[in-house]
Amino acid sequence: MKYGYIGLGNLGKHLAASLRRAGLTVVVNDLHREAAQSLLDAGCIWVHSPRALAEQVDCVITCLPSPAASNAVLTGPDGVLQGLRKGGTWIEMSTTDEREIKRVAAIAAERGISTLECPVTGGVHLAAAGKITVLVGGEQPVFEQHREALQAMGGQIFYMGELGKASVIKVITNMLAFIHLVAAGEALMLAKRGGLDLAQVFHAIKASSGTSFVHETESQLVLNGSYNINFTMDLACKDLGFAYEYGRKFGVPLELAGLTEQIFRRGRSQYGGEAQSTQIVKLLEDALGTDLRAPGFPDELK
């Protein structure tokens, strides 16, 4: 089975590379050809448009920054649905919302094309290692058809049910991560202003009931000062917006998520939409004139 991959950003380039390492034929496309160079060196095939890519493969995977971008790539005049033949599959690995994935999937279904949603979670460093968690929504037989490719890209794979369910859980996991990040920043600042050694504080929290995946990963980048998580403020605000919409839809008051969304909007206003999402902790550092730095922490997660 031949796979096409569209969207070779921080996540997509690693996921496509995992497919290629597994020995699969991988055709790639991106707005910027230079983003594909390492993949081409590894034996992937470049094509000039989403439609041309779709014409050469059995399954097209997209990993793009927004629902609007996915919609343009799928339904545009030179888009995937113009080239993918009946019986093919579209796998959406972008973070989107339940309503949007169902809407575009319905258009694909009219052309005889199946859809899976497979957003990922865990961070770019796990994507690079082929160990990122994959959340799957869609028809079970379609999932089974592409299980081997999904296992090539990820570590743990969770089948969440019908189309739309994976989008909901992905937004929930991101909502939790952003809340934890703000909380971790406040904890580190409390320790700093209390005169504690931040390196020891990191390890003490990691070994305590107060730890979290975010503390164990992103707190290291704060302590290093690089903040380099390869995830932007724009993306964080998008995902928190999705979470708040779900809160209204399902009748759940999201007080912490709502406050966190406002903090991230302030961070985006302060540092720009392309700033690292981990820089949200810098808001507190700047407000108090106190840097949260400690020796021995990496500038990038491996």
Foldseek 3Di string as FASTA:
>chain_A
DAEEEEDLALQRVLLQVLLVVVVHAYEYDYPDVVSCVVVVVSPHHYDYAQQVRQQVGQEYEYADLALVVVCCQDPPPSHNLNHHAANGEYEYQYQYALVSQVVSQVVSVVRNYFYKYWHWDDASVQQNVLAIETEIAADPVVCVVCVVSNSSRHRHYHDQYHRRRSSLVVLVVLLVLLLLLQVLLVVLVVCVVVPHASVVVLVVCCPDPNDDSNSVFQVLLQQAVLSPRSAWLLSSLVSLVSVVVVCVVVVHDDPSSVVSSVLSVVVCVVPNGRDRSSCSSVVVCVVVVHGNYHPDGDNYDD
